[in-house]
């Protein structure tokens, strides 16, 4: 069984790797790691012509020993990447899903 410290490292590694995949040099990828409160984000910040690009692509928290995925704007899905690293599905909560619908996924309810 993985520890919270391992979960923290998995999340940091995944967000750092994802930040390197920015497709446009006008957009900056920023990783935000709040290790004290277990909040982790990947943000996009920039401008494409006159259009502002700003917002979270990924937002994960560790709450009561589980990884809560609060936002996932990726195609692959960070939950799948966490499972590939060995995180059991019962330790991953798809927090972006309504609580009533979480029971119909293979992941934790909360």
Protein backbone atom coordinates (compact mmCIF):
# COMPACT_ATOMS: atom_id res chain seq x y z
CA UNK A 1 0.00 0.00 0.00
CA UNK A 2 1.31 3.43 -0.94
CA UNK A 3 1.79 6.13 1.63
CA UNK A 4 0.62 9.73 1.55
CA UNK A 5 4.21 10.77 0.85
CA UNK A 6 4.21 8.53 -2.22
CA UNK A 7 0.89 10.01 -3.35
CA UNK A 8 2.37 13.50 -3.01
CA UNK A 9 5.36 12.52 -5.13
CA UNK A 10 3.20 10.86 -7.81
CA UNK A 11 1.05 14.00 -8.10
CA UNK A 12 4.04 16.35 -8.24
CA UNK A 13 5.74 14.20 -10.89
CA UNK A 14 2.61 13.96 -13.05
CA UNK A 15 1.88 17.70 -12.89
CA UNK A 16 5.50 18.60 -13.58
CA UNK A 17 5.59 16.29 -16.61
CA UNK A 18 2.28 17.64 -17.87
CA UNK A 19 3.54 21.23 -17.54
CA UNK A 20 6.24 20.45 -20.11
CA UNK A 21 3.62 19.57 -22.73
CA UNK A 22 2.36 23.10 -23.38
CA UNK A 23 1.69 23.37 -27.09
CA UNK A 24 2.08 27.14 -27.45
CA UNK A 25 5.02 29.29 -26.32
CA UNK A 26 2.64 32.15 -25.49
CA UNK A 27 1.15 30.06 -22.68
CA UNK A 28 3.01 29.44 -19.45
CA UNK A 29 2.29 26.32 -17.40
CA UNK A 30 2.58 26.89 -13.67
CA UNK A 31 2.64 24.15 -11.09
CA UNK A 32 1.40 25.07 -7.64
CA UNK A 33 2.24 22.70 -4.79
CA UNK A 34 0.89 23.46 -1.32
CA UNK A 35 2.52 20.61 0.60
CA UNK A 36 1.27 21.82 3.97
CA UNK A 37 -2.40 21.64 2.97
CA UNK A 38 -2.04 19.02 0.19
CA UNK A 39 -3.34 21.13 -2.70
CA UNK A 40 -1.77 20.65 -6.13
CA UNK A 41 -2.56 22.52 -9.36
CA UNK A 42 -1.39 22.96 -12.91
CA UNK A 43 -2.45 26.34 -14.29
CA UNK A 44 -2.20 27.82 -17.76
CA UNK A 45 -1.47 31.55 -17.97
CA UNK A 46 -0.96 33.65 -21.08
CA UNK A 47 -2.40 35.36 -24.11
CA UNK A 48 -3.14 34.11 -27.60
CA UNK A 49 -3.57 37.26 -29.64
CA UNK A 50 -6.21 39.21 -27.69
CA UNK A 51 -7.66 36.15 -25.94
CA UNK A 52 -6.69 35.52 -22.31
CA UNK A 53 -5.72 31.97 -21.39
CA UNK A 54 -6.00 31.44 -17.65
CA UNK A 55 -7.21 28.66 -15.43
CA UNK A 56 -6.60 25.33 -13.80
CA UNK A 57 -5.98 22.36 -16.03
CA UNK A 58 -5.49 19.98 -13.12
CA UNK A 59 -6.38 20.41 -9.46
CA UNK A 60 -5.83 17.61 -6.98
CA UNK A 61 -6.09 17.49 -3.20
CA UNK A 62 -5.22 14.81 -0.70
CA UNK A 63 -8.06 14.57 1.80
CA UNK A 64 -8.28 11.89 4.51
CA UNK A 65 -5.71 9.72 2.74
CA UNK A 66 -7.44 9.81 -0.65
CA UNK A 67 -6.52 11.68 -3.80
CA UNK A 68 -9.39 13.97 -4.80
CA UNK A 69 -9.34 15.03 -8.44
CA UNK A 70 -11.15 18.37 -8.34
CA UNK A 71 -10.48 19.35 -11.97
CA UNK A 72 -9.13 17.38 -14.90
CA UNK A 73 -8.89 19.11 -18.24
CA UNK A 74 -6.71 16.43 -19.85
CA UNK A 75 -7.65 13.89 -22.50
CA UNK A 76 -6.02 10.88 -20.87
CA UNK A 77 -7.34 11.52 -17.39
CA UNK A 78 -4.97 11.82 -14.46
CA UNK A 79 -6.94 9.14 -12.57
CA UNK A 80 -5.82 6.60 -15.16
CA UNK A 81 -2.22 7.73 -14.80
CA UNK A 82 -2.42 7.40 -11.01
CA UNK A 83 -3.80 3.87 -11.34
CA UNK A 84 -0.91 2.98 -13.68
CA UNK A 85 1.47 4.14 -10.94
CA UNK A 86 -0.16 1.74 -8.48
CA UNK A 87 -2.68 3.95 -6.67
CA UNK A 88 -5.72 1.79 -5.93
CA UNK A 89 -9.01 3.07 -7.33
CA UNK A 90 -10.51 3.09 -3.83
CA UNK A 91 -7.99 5.85 -2.96
CA UNK A 92 -9.03 8.10 -5.86
CA UNK A 93 -12.14 10.30 -5.75
CA UNK A 94 -13.42 11.95 -8.90
CA UNK A 95 -14.40 15.13 -7.07
CA UNK A 96 -15.53 16.82 -10.30
CA UNK A 97 -18.41 14.32 -10.51
CA UNK A 98 -21.58 15.05 -8.52
CA UNK A 99 -21.65 13.04 -5.26
CA UNK A 100 -24.75 11.11 -6.39
CA UNK A 101 -22.99 9.86 -9.52
CA UNK A 102 -19.70 8.76 -7.97
CA UNK A 103 -21.16 5.40 -6.93
CA UNK A 104 -21.40 4.46 -10.60
CA UNK A 105 -17.66 4.77 -11.22
CA UNK A 106 -14.89 2.31 -10.35
CA UNK A 107 -13.39 4.95 -8.06
CA UNK A 108 -14.01 5.96 -4.44
CA UNK A 109 -17.20 7.78 -3.50
CA UNK A 110 -15.60 10.17 -1.06
